[in-house]
Amino acid sequence: MSASPSDTAARPVTAVMPDVTGGNALRAQEQMDGTQVRFEDVTGKDREVVDPQAWRVCGSRPGANQQITSYPVVLLVAPATESCPDGASG
């Protein structure tokens, strides 16, 4: 038995931000499975993320295990060759 459209519309869609901190930015984006994702250079150098495979996730907005209430989700990233700045969790 399938739910009627009105039953489906009555239930809020909930999503929780997975903990992708420390992982590869491309894999994190893939893990988000269709969720709108924007990359932000957390180092303050405002570099464009052309190849997410070469970047590491330092944090996110919303933070890990928090409710996603707006889109796009922001992944705070740094090049894989650099360290994440202190306090870069978003």
Protein backbone atom coordinates (compact mmCIF):
# COMPACT_ATOMS: atom_id res chain seq x y z
CA MET A 1 0.00 0.00 0.00
CA SER A 2 1.52 3.32 -1.01
CA ALA A 3 1.03 6.63 0.73
CA SER A 4 -1.27 9.10 -0.94
CA PRO A 5 0.29 12.39 -2.10
CA SER A 6 -1.38 14.28 0.76
CA ASP A 7 0.18 11.89 3.33
CA THR A 8 3.63 12.42 1.83
CA ALA A 9 3.25 16.21 1.77
CA ALA A 10 2.20 16.26 5.43
CA ARG A 11 5.49 14.76 6.59
CA PRO A 12 8.43 17.18 6.78
CA VAL A 13 11.55 16.13 4.93
CA THR A 14 14.41 15.91 7.36
CA ALA A 15 18.08 15.63 6.55
CA VAL A 16 21.07 15.53 8.85
CA MET A 17 24.53 16.69 7.82
CA PRO A 18 26.91 13.73 7.74
CA ASP A 19 30.32 14.08 9.39
CA VAL A 20 32.59 14.46 6.36
CA THR A 21 35.31 16.46 8.15
CA GLY A 22 38.81 15.31 7.26
CA GLY A 23 37.67 13.54 4.12
CA ASN A 24 38.15 14.21 0.44
CA ALA A 25 35.88 17.00 -0.86
CA LEU A 26 34.80 15.07 -3.95
CA ARG A 27 33.82 12.01 -1.89
CA ALA A 28 31.97 14.26 0.56
CA GLN A 29 30.04 15.82 -2.32
CA GLU A 30 29.18 12.35 -3.64
CA GLN A 31 28.08 11.26 -0.15
CA MET A 32 25.62 14.18 -0.10
CA ASP A 33 23.79 12.34 -2.93
CA GLY A 34 22.17 15.12 -4.92
CA THR A 35 22.12 17.75 -2.16
CA GLN A 36 23.17 21.19 -3.38
CA VAL A 37 26.76 21.67 -2.20
CA ARG A 38 28.98 24.74 -2.38
CA PHE A 39 32.70 24.70 -1.63
CA GLU A 40 34.33 27.53 0.30
CA ASP A 41 38.09 27.98 0.71
CA VAL A 42 38.43 28.01 4.49
CA THR A 43 42.01 29.32 4.38
CA GLY A 44 40.82 32.85 3.56
CA LYS A 45 42.61 32.84 0.19
CA ASP A 46 39.25 32.69 -1.64
CA ARG A 47 40.46 30.16 -4.20
CA GLU A 48 37.96 28.51 -6.53
CA VAL A 49 37.58 24.77 -6.07
CA VAL A 50 37.95 23.49 -9.62
CA ASP A 51 38.96 19.92 -8.73
CA PRO A 52 37.31 18.81 -5.45
CA GLN A 53 39.44 15.63 -5.55
CA ALA A 54 42.44 17.81 -4.60
CA TRP A 55 40.76 19.38 -1.54
CA ARG A 56 40.11 18.20 2.03
CA VAL A 57 36.99 19.00 4.08
CA CYS A 58 37.81 21.05 7.19
CA GLY A 59 34.23 21.65 8.29
CA SER A 60 30.72 22.34 7.07
CA ARG A 61 27.68 24.54 7.47
CA PRO A 62 25.61 23.16 9.04
CA GLY A 63 28.02 21.27 11.27
CA ALA A 64 28.22 17.49 11.43
CA ASN A 65 25.09 15.75 12.72
CA GLN A 66 23.07 19.00 12.63
CA GLN A 67 19.76 19.44 10.83
CA ILE A 68 20.06 20.74 7.26
CA THR A 69 17.60 23.62 7.06
CA SER A 70 18.85 25.56 4.03
CA TYR A 71 20.68 24.92 0.78
CA PRO A 72 23.26 24.86 -0.55
CA VAL A 73 25.19 23.03 2.14
CA VAL A 74 28.64 24.63 2.48
CA LEU A 75 31.74 22.45 2.68
CA LEU A 76 34.66 24.41 4.14
CA VAL A 77 37.70 23.07 2.33
CA ALA A 78 41.47 23.49 2.05
CA PRO A 79 43.85 22.05 -0.54
CA ALA A 80 44.86 18.51 0.41
CA THR A 81 48.48 19.71 0.54
CA GLU A 82 47.66 22.26 3.28
CA SER A 83 46.48 21.92 6.86
CA CYS A 84 43.03 23.00 7.96
CA PRO A 85 43.15 26.26 9.92
CA ASP A 86 42.44 26.05 13.66
CA GLY A 87 38.74 26.46 14.41
CA ALA A 88 37.68 25.74 10.81
CA SER A 89 34.65 23.65 11.73
CA GLY A 90 32.11 26.18 10.46
